[in-house]
Amino acid sequence: MAKKAKKAKKAKTAKKAVRKAAKKVVKKAAKKKSARKPNAAFMRPVTPSAMLAAVIGDKPVPRTEVTKKLWVYIKKNGLQDAKNRRMINADDKLKPIFGGKSQVSMFDMTKLVGKHLK
């Protein structure tokens, strides 16, 4: 009788271990499914104003692409300040977008550009 009890106990602990391992697998799968999704508001196409269209083009693009295209333009034309890399020097096309300022910080740039998006 003692042998049967021991075997039953071993079988019971083995089943518990299997169930516990299965729960871990399910939890890991649940975590993988909850991957971060992009915000739809940032992905919605916006139309640039005529002044901004001269720099990035006149087709409607998402806000994220507007910023990327601006940085491509800034880097291509060497408009980033040499000493303080956070500052952007405005050329003839960017000056009206920046509200007439000749130099703007990169953090203020997105705020000023937002006024030129519909």
PDB file of N, CA and C in Angstrom:
ATOM      1  N   MET A   1       0.812  -1.183   0.000  1.00  0.00           N
ATOM      2  CA  MET A   1       0.000   0.000   0.000  1.00  0.00           C
ATOM      3  C   MET A   1       0.864   1.259   0.000  1.00  0.00           C
ATOM      4  N   ALA A   2       1.980   1.244   0.673  1.00  0.00           N
ATOM      5  CA  ALA A   2       2.866   2.399   0.765  1.00  0.00           C
ATOM      6  C   ALA A   2       3.465   2.731  -0.588  1.00  0.00           C
ATOM      7  N   LYS A   3       3.771   1.691  -1.389  1.00  0.00           N
ATOM      8  CA  LYS A   3       4.346   1.918  -2.716  1.00  0.00           C
ATOM      9  C   LYS A   3       3.355   2.625  -3.622  1.00  0.00           C
ATOM     10  N   LYS A   4       2.072   2.224  -3.550  1.00  0.00           N
ATOM     11  CA  LYS A   4       1.044   2.860  -4.371  1.00  0.00           C
ATOM     12  C   LYS A   4       0.875   4.324  -3.988  1.00  0.00           C
ATOM     13  N   ALA A   5       0.951   4.632  -2.726  1.00  0.00           N
ATOM     14  CA  ALA A   5       0.806   6.007  -2.243  1.00  0.00           C
ATOM     15  C   ALA A   5       1.966   6.877  -2.726  1.00  0.00           C
ATOM     16  N   LYS A   6       3.186   6.302  -2.707  1.00  0.00           N
ATOM     17  CA  LYS A   6       4.353   7.039  -3.169  1.00  0.00           C
ATOM     18  C   LYS A   6       4.255   7.335  -4.665  1.00  0.00           C
ATOM     19  N   LYS A   7       3.810   6.301  -5.446  1.00  0.00           N
ATOM     20  CA  LYS A   7       3.675   6.481  -6.894  1.00  0.00           C
ATOM     21  C   LYS A   7       2.613   7.537  -7.204  1.00  0.00           C
ATOM     22  N   ALA A   8       1.517   7.497  -6.476  1.00  0.00           N
ATOM     23  CA  ALA A   8       0.448   8.466  -6.674  1.00  0.00           C
ATOM     24  C   ALA A   8       0.935   9.876  -6.354  1.00  0.00           C
ATOM     25  N   LYS A   9       1.720  10.005  -5.285  1.00  0.00           N
ATOM     26  CA  LYS A   9       2.253  11.298  -4.892  1.00  0.00           C
ATOM     27  C   LYS A   9       3.221  11.840  -5.943  1.00  0.00           C
ATOM     28  N   LYS A  10       4.090  10.965  -6.491  1.00  0.00           N
ATOM     29  CA  LYS A  10       5.028  11.361  -7.540  1.00  0.00           C
ATOM     30  C   LYS A  10       4.284  11.802  -8.791  1.00  0.00           C
ATOM     31  N   ALA A  11       3.237  11.058  -9.143  1.00  0.00           N
ATOM     32  CA  ALA A  11       2.446  11.404 -10.326  1.00  0.00           C
ATOM     33  C   ALA A  11       1.778  12.767 -10.136  1.00  0.00           C
ATOM     34  N   LYS A  12       1.286  13.023  -8.925  1.00  0.00           N
ATOM     35  CA  LYS A  12       0.609  14.276  -8.627  1.00  0.00           C
ATOM     36  C   LYS A  12       1.583  15.458  -8.726  1.00  0.00           C
ATOM     37  N   THR A  13       2.793  15.312  -8.190  1.00  0.00           N
ATOM     38  CA  THR A  13       3.783  16.390  -8.255  1.00  0.00           C
ATOM     39  C   THR A  13       4.256  16.609  -9.688  1.00  0.00           C
ATOM     40  N   ALA A  14       4.337  15.521 -10.462  1.00  0.00           N
ATOM     41  CA  ALA A  14       4.733  15.650 -11.862  1.00  0.00           C
ATOM     42  C   ALA A  14       3.671  16.432 -12.639  1.00  0.00           C
ATOM     43  N   LYS A  15       2.390  16.157 -12.378  1.00  0.00           N
ATOM     44  CA  LYS A  15       1.303  16.875 -13.047  1.00  0.00           C
ATOM     45  C   LYS A  15       1.338  18.360 -12.693  1.00  0.00           C
ATOM     46  N   LYS A  16       1.622  18.666 -11.406  1.00  0.00           N
ATOM     47  CA  LYS A  16       1.720  20.055 -10.976  1.00  0.00           C
ATOM     48  C   LYS A  16       2.837  20.786 -11.719  1.00  0.00           C
ATOM     49  N   ALA A  17       3.970  20.118 -11.862  1.00  0.00           N
ATOM     50  CA  ALA A  17       5.113  20.717 -12.548  1.00  0.00           C
ATOM     51  C   ALA A  17       4.776  21.009 -14.012  1.00  0.00           C
ATOM     52  N   VAL A  18       4.063  20.067 -14.640  1.00  0.00           N
ATOM     53  CA  VAL A  18       3.683  20.248 -16.043  1.00  0.00           C
ATOM     54  C   VAL A  18       2.727  21.438 -16.173  1.00  0.00           C
ATOM     55  N   ARG A  19       1.733  21.520 -15.258  1.00  0.00           N
ATOM     56  CA  ARG A  19       0.782  22.635 -15.300  1.00  0.00           C
ATOM     57  C   ARG A  19       1.478  23.974 -15.074  1.00  0.00           C
ATOM     58  N   LYS A  20       2.429  24.001 -14.148  1.00  0.00           N
ATOM     59  CA  LYS A  20       3.160  25.224 -13.849  1.00  0.00           C
ATOM     60  C   LYS A  20       3.981  25.681 -15.061  1.00  0.00           C
ATOM     61  N   ALA A  21       4.624  24.730 -15.727  1.00  0.00           N
ATOM     62  CA  ALA A  21       5.412  25.058 -16.922  1.00  0.00           C
ATOM     63  C   ALA A  21       4.504  25.568 -18.037  1.00  0.00           C
ATOM     64  N   ALA A  22       3.332  24.972 -18.164  1.00  0.00           N
ATOM     65  CA  ALA A  22       2.378  25.403 -19.193  1.00  0.00           C
ATOM     66  C   ALA A  22       1.908  26.837 -18.924  1.00  0.00           C
ATOM     67  N   LYS A  23       1.684  27.182 -17.665  1.00  0.00           N
ATOM     68  CA  LYS A  23       1.266  28.536 -17.317  1.00  0.00           C
ATOM     69  C   LYS A  23       2.335  29.555 -17.684  1.00  0.00           C
ATOM     70  N   LYS A  24       3.606  29.209 -17.454  1.00  0.00           N
ATOM     71  CA  LYS A  24       4.700  30.105 -17.796  1.00  0.00           C
ATOM     72  C   LYS A  24       4.744  30.372 -19.290  1.00  0.00           C
ATOM     73  N   VAL A  25       4.543  29.323 -20.076  1.00  0.00           N
ATOM     74  CA  VAL A  25       4.558  29.464 -21.533  1.00  0.00           C
ATOM     75  C   VAL A  25       3.422  30.380 -21.978  1.00  0.00           C
ATOM     76  N   VAL A  26       2.242  30.204 -21.383  1.00  0.00           N
ATOM     77  CA  VAL A  26       1.091  31.035 -21.730  1.00  0.00           C
ATOM     78  C   VAL A  26       1.354  32.491 -21.355  1.00  0.00           C
ATOM     79  N   LYS A  27       1.955  32.732 -20.193  1.00  0.00           N
ATOM     80  CA  LYS A  27       2.255  34.097 -19.764  1.00  0.00           C
ATOM     81  C   LYS A  27       3.246  34.765 -20.709  1.00  0.00           C
ATOM     82  N   LYS A  28       4.275  34.027 -21.131  1.00  0.00           N
ATOM     83  CA  LYS A  28       5.257  34.586 -22.052  1.00  0.00           C
ATOM     84  C   LYS A  28       4.614  34.924 -23.384  1.00  0.00           C
ATOM     85  N   ALA A  29       3.734  34.061 -23.872  1.00  0.00           N
ATOM     86  CA  ALA A  29       3.038  34.316 -25.137  1.00  0.00           C
ATOM     87  C   ALA A  29       2.159  35.550 -25.011  1.00  0.00           C
ATOM     88  N   ALA A  30       1.520  35.731 -23.869  1.00  0.00           N
ATOM     89  CA  ALA A  30       0.665  36.897 -23.645  1.00  0.00           C
ATOM     90  C   ALA A  30       1.490  38.180 -23.655  1.00  0.00           C
ATOM     91  N   LYS A  31       2.686  38.138 -23.091  1.00  0.00           N
ATOM     92  CA  LYS A  31       3.544  39.309 -23.080  1.00  0.00           C
ATOM     93  C   LYS A  31       3.983  39.681 -24.488  1.00  0.00           C
ATOM     94  N   LYS A  32       4.288  38.715 -25.317  1.00  0.00           N
ATOM     95  CA  LYS A  32       4.726  38.979 -26.680  1.00  0.00           C
ATOM     96  C   LYS A  32       3.611  39.606 -27.511  1.00  0.00           C
ATOM     97  N   LYS A  33       2.373  39.229 -27.259  1.00  0.00           N
ATOM     98  CA  LYS A  33       1.254  39.773 -28.021  1.00  0.00           C
ATOM     99  C   LYS A  33       1.028  41.242 -27.723  1.00  0.00           C
ATOM    100  N   SER A  34       1.359  41.690 -26.531  1.00  0.00           N
ATOM    101  CA  SER A  34       1.098  43.065 -26.140  1.00  0.00           C
ATOM    102  C   SER A  34       2.236  44.001 -26.561  1.00  0.00           C
ATOM    103  N   ALA A  35       2.742  43.825 -27.779  1.00  0.00           N
ATOM    104  CA  ALA A  35       3.790  44.692 -28.294  1.00  0.00           C
ATOM    105  C   ALA A  35       3.221  46.093 -28.489  1.00  0.00           C
ATOM    106  N   ARG A  36       4.065  47.087 -28.354  1.00  0.00           N
ATOM    107  CA  ARG A  36       3.638  48.479 -28.439  1.00  0.00           C
ATOM    108  C   ARG A  36       3.201  48.816 -29.860  1.00  0.00           C
ATOM    109  N   LYS A  37       2.039  49.453 -29.976  1.00  0.00           N
ATOM    110  CA  LYS A  37       1.512  49.847 -31.283  1.00  0.00           C
ATOM    111  C   LYS A  37       1.671  51.355 -31.446  1.00  0.00           C
ATOM    112  N   PRO A  38       1.937  51.839 -32.670  1.00  0.00           N
ATOM    113  CA  PRO A  38       2.092  53.278 -32.865  1.00  0.00           C
ATOM    114  C   PRO A  38       0.763  54.001 -32.681  1.00  0.00           C
ATOM    115  N   ASN A  39       0.842  55.237 -32.214  1.00  0.00           N
ATOM    116  CA  ASN A  39      -0.344  56.054 -31.998  1.00  0.00           C
ATOM    117  C   ASN A  39      -0.907  56.482 -33.353  1.00  0.00           C
ATOM    118  N   ALA A  40      -2.174  56.274 -33.569  1.00  0.00           N
ATOM    119  CA  ALA A  40      -2.813  56.576 -34.853  1.00  0.00           C
ATOM    120  C   ALA A  40      -2.772  58.066 -35.167  1.00  0.00           C
ATOM    121  N   ALA A  41      -2.784  58.917 -34.147  1.00  0.00           N
ATOM    122  CA  ALA A  41      -2.758  60.362 -34.373  1.00  0.00           C
ATOM    123  C   ALA A  41      -1.447  60.797 -35.027  1.00  0.00           C
ATOM    124  N   PHE A  42      -0.342  60.167 -34.665  1.00  0.00           N
ATOM    125  CA  PHE A  42       0.938  60.512 -35.281  1.00  0.00           C
ATOM    126  C   PHE A  42       1.034  59.982 -36.702  1.00  0.00           C
ATOM    127  N   MET A  43       0.318  58.930 -37.001  1.00  0.00           N
ATOM    128  CA  MET A  43       0.413  58.309 -38.313  1.00  0.00           C
ATOM    129  C   MET A  43      -0.570  58.919 -39.326  1.00  0.00           C
ATOM    130  N   ARG A  44      -1.514  59.755 -38.841  1.00  0.00           N
ATOM    131  CA  ARG A  44      -2.487  60.384 -39.737  1.00  0.00           C
ATOM    132  C   ARG A  44      -1.779  61.414 -40.614  1.00  0.00           C
ATOM    133  N   PRO A  45      -1.990  61.367 -41.928  1.00  0.00           N
ATOM    134  CA  PRO A  45      -1.337  62.347 -42.809  1.00  0.00           C
ATOM    135  C   PRO A  45      -1.833  63.769 -42.548  1.00  0.00           C
ATOM    136  N   VAL A  46      -0.906  64.712 -42.543  1.00  0.00           N
ATOM    137  CA  VAL A  46      -1.228  66.127 -42.395  1.00  0.00           C
ATOM    138  C   VAL A  46      -0.720  66.877 -43.619  1.00  0.00           C
ATOM    139  N   THR A  47      -1.395  67.970 -43.950  1.00  0.00           N
ATOM    140  CA  THR A  47      -1.031  68.757 -45.125  1.00  0.00           C
ATOM    141  C   THR A  47      -0.157  69.932 -44.691  1.00  0.00           C
ATOM    142  N   PRO A  48       1.042  70.074 -45.275  1.00  0.00           N
ATOM    143  CA  PRO A  48       1.912  71.196 -44.912  1.00  0.00           C
ATOM    144  C   PRO A  48       1.443  72.499 -45.565  1.00  0.00           C
ATOM    145  N   SER A  49       1.748  73.629 -44.935  1.00  0.00           N
ATOM    146  CA  SER A  49       1.432  74.932 -45.517  1.00  0.00           C
ATOM    147  C   SER A  49       2.324  75.157 -46.731  1.00  0.00           C
ATOM    148  N   ALA A  50       2.067  76.231 -47.460  1.00  0.00           N
ATOM    149  CA  ALA A  50       2.845  76.526 -48.668  1.00  0.00           C
ATOM    150  C   ALA A  50       4.324  76.758 -48.332  1.00  0.00           C
ATOM    151  N   MET A  51       4.585  77.435 -47.211  1.00  0.00           N
ATOM    152  CA  MET A  51       5.981  77.709 -46.811  1.00  0.00           C
ATOM    153  C   MET A  51       6.712  76.412 -46.452  1.00  0.00           C
ATOM    154  N   LEU A  52       6.043  75.543 -45.717  1.00  0.00           N
ATOM    155  CA  LEU A  52       6.654  74.273 -45.320  1.00  0.00           C
ATOM    156  C   LEU A  52       6.770  73.325 -46.506  1.00  0.00           C
ATOM    157  N   ALA A  53       5.820  73.415 -47.438  1.00  0.00           N
ATOM    158  CA  ALA A  53       5.856  72.561 -48.634  1.00  0.00           C
ATOM    159  C   ALA A  53       7.092  72.839 -49.482  1.00  0.00           C
ATOM    160  N   ALA A  54       7.611  74.066 -49.422  1.00  0.00           N
ATOM    161  CA  ALA A  54       8.828  74.400 -50.168  1.00  0.00           C
ATOM    162  C   ALA A  54      10.026  73.611 -49.659  1.00  0.00           C
ATOM    163  N   VAL A  55       9.964  73.149 -48.408  1.00  0.00           N
ATOM    164  CA  VAL A  55      11.082  72.409 -47.809  1.00  0.00           C
ATOM    165  C   VAL A  55      10.862  70.900 -47.904  1.00  0.00           C
ATOM    166  N   ILE A  56       9.650  70.418 -47.547  1.00  0.00           N
ATOM    167  CA  ILE A  56       9.434  68.969 -47.447  1.00  0.00           C
ATOM    168  C   ILE A  56       8.562  68.387 -48.550  1.00  0.00           C
ATOM    169  N   GLY A  57       7.984  69.221 -49.398  1.00  0.00           N
ATOM    170  CA  GLY A  57       7.083  68.727 -50.441  1.00  0.00           C
ATOM    171  C   GLY A  57       5.637  68.997 -50.048  1.00  0.00           C
ATOM    172  N   ASP A  58       4.746  68.965 -51.051  1.00  0.00           N
ATOM    173  CA  ASP A  58       3.358  69.355 -50.786  1.00  0.00           C
ATOM    174  C   ASP A  58       2.405  68.187 -50.559  1.00  0.00           C
ATOM    175  N   LYS A  59       2.901  66.952 -50.569  1.00  0.00           N
ATOM    176  CA  LYS A  59       2.028  65.791 -50.349  1.00  0.00           C
ATOM    177  C   LYS A  59       1.733  65.631 -48.861  1.00  0.00           C
ATOM    178  N   PRO A  60       0.508  65.195 -48.496  1.00  0.00           N
ATOM    179  CA  PRO A  60       0.209  64.930 -47.083  1.00  0.00           C
ATOM    180  C   PRO A  60       1.054  63.775 -46.547  1.00  0.00           C
ATOM    181  N   VAL A  61       1.707  64.003 -45.422  1.00  0.00           N
ATOM    182  CA  VAL A  61       2.557  62.992 -44.789  1.00  0.00           C
ATOM    183  C   VAL A  61       2.295  62.980 -43.282  1.00  0.00           C
ATOM    184  N   PRO A  62       2.584  61.876 -42.589  1.00  0.00           N
ATOM    185  CA  PRO A  62       2.431  61.842 -41.124  1.00  0.00           C
ATOM    186  C   PRO A  62       3.396  62.808 -40.441  1.00  0.00           C
ATOM    187  N   ARG A  63       3.058  63.207 -39.232  1.00  0.00           N
ATOM    188  CA  ARG A  63       3.893  64.147 -38.464  1.00  0.00           C
ATOM    189  C   ARG A  63       5.313  63.643 -38.288  1.00  0.00           C
ATOM    190  N   THR A  64       5.451  62.343 -38.094  1.00  0.00           N
ATOM    191  CA  THR A  64       6.786  61.779 -37.905  1.00  0.00           C
ATOM    192  C   THR A  64       7.644  61.968 -39.151  1.00  0.00           C
ATOM    193  N   GLU A  65       7.033  61.826 -40.315  1.00  0.00           N
ATOM    194  CA  GLU A  65       7.768  62.001 -41.569  1.00  0.00           C
ATOM    195  C   GLU A  65       8.132  63.465 -41.797  1.00  0.00           C
ATOM    196  N   VAL A  66       7.280  64.389 -41.340  1.00  0.00           N
ATOM    197  CA  VAL A  66       7.577  65.818 -41.478  1.00  0.00           C
ATOM    198  C   VAL A  66       8.890  66.120 -40.754  1.00  0.00           C
ATOM    199  N   THR A  67       9.013  65.632 -39.530  1.00  0.00           N
ATOM    200  CA  THR A  67      10.226  65.871 -38.748  1.00  0.00           C
ATOM    201  C   THR A  67      11.440  65.224 -39.415  1.00  0.00           C
ATOM    202  N   LYS A  68      11.275  64.017 -39.920  1.00  0.00           N
ATOM    203  CA  LYS A  68      12.387  63.335 -40.589  1.00  0.00           C
ATOM    204  C   LYS A  68      12.844  64.113 -41.811  1.00  0.00           C
ATOM    205  N   LYS A  69      11.887  64.577 -42.615  1.00  0.00           N
ATOM    206  CA  LYS A  69      12.237  65.317 -43.835  1.00  0.00           C
ATOM    207  C   LYS A  69      12.899  66.647 -43.504  1.00  0.00           C
ATOM    208  N   LEU A  70      12.459  67.296 -42.430  1.00  0.00           N
ATOM    209  CA  LEU A  70      13.100  68.540 -42.008  1.00  0.00           C
ATOM    210  C   LEU A  70      14.549  68.297 -41.627  1.00  0.00           C
ATOM    211  N   TRP A  71      14.803  67.220 -40.879  1.00  0.00           N
ATOM    212  CA  TRP A  71      16.172  66.917 -40.481  1.00  0.00           C
ATOM    213  C   TRP A  71      17.042  66.565 -41.681  1.00  0.00           C
ATOM    214  N   VAL A  72      16.473  65.892 -42.669  1.00  0.00           N
ATOM    215  CA  VAL A  72      17.231  65.602 -43.891  1.00  0.00           C
ATOM    216  C   VAL A  72      17.642  66.912 -44.558  1.00  0.00           C
ATOM    217  N   TYR A  73      16.703  67.852 -44.641  1.00  0.00           N
ATOM    218  CA  TYR A  73      16.981  69.172 -45.243  1.00  0.00           C
ATOM    219  C   TYR A  73      18.044  69.929 -44.439  1.00  0.00           C
ATOM    220  N   ILE A  74      17.917  69.909 -43.101  1.00  0.00           N
ATOM    221  CA  ILE A  74      18.870  70.617 -42.236  1.00  0.00           C
ATOM    222  C   ILE A  74      20.272  70.041 -42.374  1.00  0.00           C
ATOM    223  N   LYS A  75      20.380  68.725 -42.367  1.00  0.00           N
ATOM    224  CA  LYS A  75      21.698  68.072 -42.485  1.00  0.00           C
ATOM    225  C   LYS A  75      22.306  68.304 -43.871  1.00  0.00           C
ATOM    226  N   LYS A  76      21.455  68.208 -44.918  1.00  0.00           N
ATOM    227  CA  LYS A  76      21.948  68.367 -46.293  1.00  0.00           C
ATOM    228  C   LYS A  76      22.503  69.770 -46.524  1.00  0.00           C
ATOM    229  N   ASN A  77      21.864  70.768 -45.925  1.00  0.00           N
ATOM    230  CA  ASN A  77      22.289  72.155 -46.118  1.00  0.00           C
ATOM    231  C   ASN A  77      23.221  72.661 -45.017  1.00  0.00           C
ATOM    232  N   GLY A  78      23.582  71.807 -44.075  1.00  0.00           N
ATOM    233  CA  GLY A  78      24.518  72.188 -43.015  1.00  0.00           C
ATOM    234  C   GLY A  78      23.997  73.315 -42.134  1.00  0.00           C
ATOM    235  N   LEU A  79      22.742  73.255 -41.751  1.00  0.00           N
ATOM    236  CA  LEU A  79      22.121  74.338 -40.983  1.00  0.00           C
ATOM    237  C   LEU A  79      22.230  74.153 -39.473  1.00  0.00           C
ATOM    238  N   GLN A  80      22.786  73.037 -39.031  1.00  0.00           N
ATOM    239  CA  GLN A  80      22.963  72.817 -37.600  1.00  0.00           C
ATOM    240  C   GLN A  80      24.166  73.635 -37.133  1.00  0.00           C
ATOM    241  N   ASP A  81      24.005  74.365 -36.025  1.00  0.00           N
ATOM    242  CA  ASP A  81      25.066  75.224 -35.509  1.00  0.00           C
ATOM    243  C   ASP A  81      26.297  74.385 -35.169  1.00  0.00           C
ATOM    244  N   ALA A  82      27.480  74.881 -35.506  1.00  0.00           N
ATOM    245  CA  ALA A  82      28.717  74.114 -35.304  1.00  0.00           C
ATOM    246  C   ALA A  82      29.082  73.982 -33.818  1.00  0.00           C
ATOM    247  N   LYS A  83      28.909  75.052 -33.048  1.00  0.00           N
ATOM    248  CA  LYS A  83      29.287  75.019 -31.638  1.00  0.00           C
ATOM    249  C   LYS A  83      28.208  74.373 -30.779  1.00  0.00           C
ATOM    250  N   ASN A  84      26.976  74.820 -30.920  1.00  0.00           N
ATOM    251  CA  ASN A  84      25.856  74.286 -30.145  1.00  0.00           C
ATOM    252  C   ASN A  84      24.956  73.496 -31.098  1.00  0.00           C
ATOM    253  N   ARG A  85      25.130  72.194 -31.144  1.00  0.00           N
ATOM    254  CA  ARG A  85      24.448  71.335 -32.128  1.00  0.00           C
ATOM    255  C   ARG A  85      22.935  71.290 -31.917  1.00  0.00           C
ATOM    256  N   ARG A  86      22.440  71.798 -30.772  1.00  0.00           N
ATOM    257  CA  ARG A  86      20.997  71.820 -30.527  1.00  0.00           C
ATOM    258  C   ARG A  86      20.306  72.968 -31.246  1.00  0.00           C
ATOM    259  N   MET A  87      21.092  73.896 -31.769  1.00  0.00           N
ATOM    260  CA  MET A  87      20.524  75.062 -32.446  1.00  0.00           C
ATOM    261  C   MET A  87      20.553  74.862 -33.961  1.00  0.00           C
ATOM    262  N   ILE A  88      19.475  75.344 -34.615  1.00  0.00           N
ATOM    263  CA  ILE A  88      19.368  75.247 -36.072  1.00  0.00           C
ATOM    264  C   ILE A  88      19.361  76.654 -36.632  1.00  0.00           C
ATOM    265  N   ASN A  89      20.258  76.916 -37.573  1.00  0.00           N
ATOM    266  CA  ASN A  89      20.321  78.210 -38.237  1.00  0.00           C
ATOM    267  C   ASN A  89      19.349  78.194 -39.409  1.00  0.00           C
ATOM    268  N   ALA A  90      18.498  79.208 -39.494  1.00  0.00           N
ATOM    269  CA  ALA A  90      17.482  79.264 -40.549  1.00  0.00           C
ATOM    270  C   ALA A  90      18.068  79.846 -41.822  1.00  0.00           C
ATOM    271  N   ASP A  91      17.722  79.233 -42.950  1.00  0.00           N
ATOM    272  CA  ASP A  91      18.061  79.812 -44.238  1.00  0.00           C
ATOM    273  C   ASP A  91      16.812  80.530 -44.766  1.00  0.00           C
ATOM    274  N   ASP A  92      16.822  80.932 -46.043  1.00  0.00           N
ATOM    275  CA  ASP A  92      15.695  81.692 -46.599  1.00  0.00           C
ATOM    276  C   ASP A  92      14.383  80.909 -46.571  1.00  0.00           C
ATOM    277  N   LYS A  93      14.440  79.600 -46.760  1.00  0.00           N
ATOM    278  CA  LYS A  93      13.222  78.782 -46.768  1.00  0.00           C
ATOM    279  C   LYS A  93      12.694  78.524 -45.360  1.00  0.00           C
ATOM    280  N   LEU A  94      13.593  78.375 -44.383  1.00  0.00           N
ATOM    281  CA  LEU A  94      13.170  78.043 -43.019  1.00  0.00           C
ATOM    282  C   LEU A  94      12.786  79.260 -42.178  1.00  0.00           C
ATOM    283  N   LYS A  95      13.292  80.431 -42.533  1.00  0.00           N
ATOM    284  CA  LYS A  95      13.039  81.625 -41.716  1.00  0.00           C
ATOM    285  C   LYS A  95      11.543  81.918 -41.547  1.00  0.00           C
ATOM    286  N   PRO A  96      10.718  81.871 -42.607  1.00  0.00           N
ATOM    287  CA  PRO A  96       9.285  82.119 -42.394  1.00  0.00           C
ATOM    288  C   PRO A  96       8.601  81.024 -41.567  1.00  0.00           C
ATOM    289  N   ILE A  97       9.103  79.824 -41.638  1.00  0.00           N
ATOM    290  CA  ILE A  97       8.541  78.709 -40.851  1.00  0.00           C
ATOM    291  C   ILE A  97       8.874  78.912 -39.375  1.00  0.00           C
ATOM    292  N   PHE A  98      10.069  79.425 -39.096  1.00  0.00           N
ATOM    293  CA  PHE A  98      10.518  79.643 -37.730  1.00  0.00           C
ATOM    294  C   PHE A  98      10.043  80.974 -37.160  1.00  0.00           C
ATOM    295  N   GLY A  99       9.091  81.606 -37.809  1.00  0.00           N
ATOM    296  CA  GLY A  99       8.528  82.864 -37.302  1.00  0.00           C
ATOM    297  C   GLY A  99       9.482  84.039 -37.434  1.00  0.00           C
ATOM    298  N   GLY A 100      10.333  84.022 -38.435  1.00  0.00           N
ATOM    299  CA  GLY A 100      11.258  85.123 -38.672  1.00  0.00           C
ATOM    300  C   GLY A 100      12.540  85.049 -37.865  1.00  0.00           C
ATOM    301  N   LYS A 101      12.680  84.044 -37.014  1.00  0.00           N
ATOM    302  CA  LYS A 101      13.892  83.902 -36.196  1.00  0.00           C
ATOM    303  C   LYS A 101      15.019  83.340 -37.051  1.00  0.00           C
ATOM    304  N   SER A 102      16.246  83.806 -36.773  1.00  0.00           N
ATOM    305  CA  SER A 102      17.383  83.313 -37.552  1.00  0.00           C
ATOM    306  C   SER A 102      17.980  82.042 -36.951  1.00  0.00           C
ATOM    307  N   GLN A 103      17.682  81.785 -35.662  1.00  0.00           N
ATOM    308  CA  GLN A 103      18.188  80.575 -35.013  1.00  0.00           C
ATOM    309  C   GLN A 103      17.141  80.061 -34.021  1.00  0.00           C
ATOM    310  N   VAL A 104      16.920  78.747 -34.054  1.00  0.00           N
ATOM    311  CA  VAL A 104      15.901  78.115 -33.214  1.00  0.00           C
ATOM    312  C   VAL A 104      16.494  76.838 -32.631  1.00  0.00           C
ATOM    313  N   SER A 105      16.093  76.485 -31.395  1.00  0.00           N
ATOM    314  CA  SER A 105      16.555  75.212 -30.835  1.00  0.00           C
ATOM    315  C   SER A 105      15.753  74.076 -31.466  1.00  0.00           C
ATOM    316  N   MET A 106      16.325  72.898 -31.463  1.00  0.00           N
ATOM    317  CA  MET A 106      15.653  71.756 -32.100  1.00  0.00           C
ATOM    318  C   MET A 106      14.349  71.413 -31.390  1.00  0.00           C
ATOM    319  N   PHE A 107      14.228  71.774 -30.119  1.00  0.00           N
ATOM    320  CA  PHE A 107      13.009  71.488 -29.373  1.00  0.00           C
ATOM    321  C   PHE A 107      11.897  72.468 -29.736  1.00  0.00           C
ATOM    322  N   ASP A 108      12.275  73.722 -29.971  1.00  0.00           N
ATOM    323  CA  ASP A 108      11.293  74.724 -30.397  1.00  0.00           C
ATOM    324  C   ASP A 108      10.881  74.516 -31.851  1.00  0.00           C
ATOM    325  N   MET A 109      11.742  73.889 -32.628  1.00  0.00           N
ATOM    326  CA  MET A 109      11.467  73.690 -34.045  1.00  0.00           C
ATOM    327  C   MET A 109      10.155  72.926 -34.249  1.00  0.00           C
ATOM    328  N   THR A 110       9.946  71.846 -33.520  1.00  0.00           N
ATOM    329  CA  THR A 110       8.736  71.044 -33.731  1.00  0.00           C
ATOM    330  C   THR A 110       7.485  71.831 -33.361  1.00  0.00           C
ATOM    331  N   LYS A 111       7.580  72.686 -32.342  1.00  0.00           N
ATOM    332  CA  LYS A 111       6.445  73.516 -31.948  1.00  0.00           C
ATOM    333  C   LYS A 111       6.122  74.522 -33.058  1.00  0.00           C
ATOM    334  N   LEU A 112       7.143  75.145 -33.625  1.00  0.00           N
ATOM    335  CA  LEU A 112       6.935  76.131 -34.680  1.00  0.00           C
ATOM    336  C   LEU A 112       6.441  75.495 -35.971  1.00  0.00           C
ATOM    337  N   VAL A 113       6.930  74.308 -36.274  1.00  0.00           N
ATOM    338  CA  VAL A 113       6.516  73.612 -37.497  1.00  0.00           C
ATOM    339  C   VAL A 113       5.064  73.134 -37.364  1.00  0.00           C
ATOM    340  N   GLY A 114       4.643  72.786 -36.150  1.00  0.00           N
ATOM    341  CA  GLY A 114       3.266  72.344 -35.921  1.00  0.00           C
ATOM    342  C   GLY A 114       2.225  73.361 -36.356  1.00  0.00           C
ATOM    343  N   LYS A 115       2.586  74.637 -36.333  1.00  0.00           N
ATOM    344  CA  LYS A 115       1.667  75.693 -36.767  1.00  0.00           C
ATOM    345  C   LYS A 115       1.456  75.688 -38.276  1.00  0.00           C
ATOM    346  N   HIS A 116       2.342  75.023 -39.002  1.00  0.00           N
ATOM    347  CA  HIS A 116       2.258  74.988 -40.457  1.00  0.00           C
ATOM    348  C   HIS A 116       1.658  73.686 -40.985  1.00  0.00           C
ATOM    349  N   LEU A 117       1.027  72.926 -40.103  1.00  0.00           N
ATOM    350  CA  LEU A 117       0.407  71.658 -40.497  1.00  0.00           C
ATOM    351  C   LEU A 117      -1.098  71.742 -40.291  1.00  0.00           C
ATOM    352  N   LYS A 118      -1.840  71.188 -41.248  1.00  0.00           N
ATOM    353  CA  LYS A 118      -3.307  71.185 -41.155  1.00  0.00           C
ATOM    354  C   LYS A 118      -3.811  69.770 -41.024  1.00  0.00           C
TER     355      LYS A 118
END
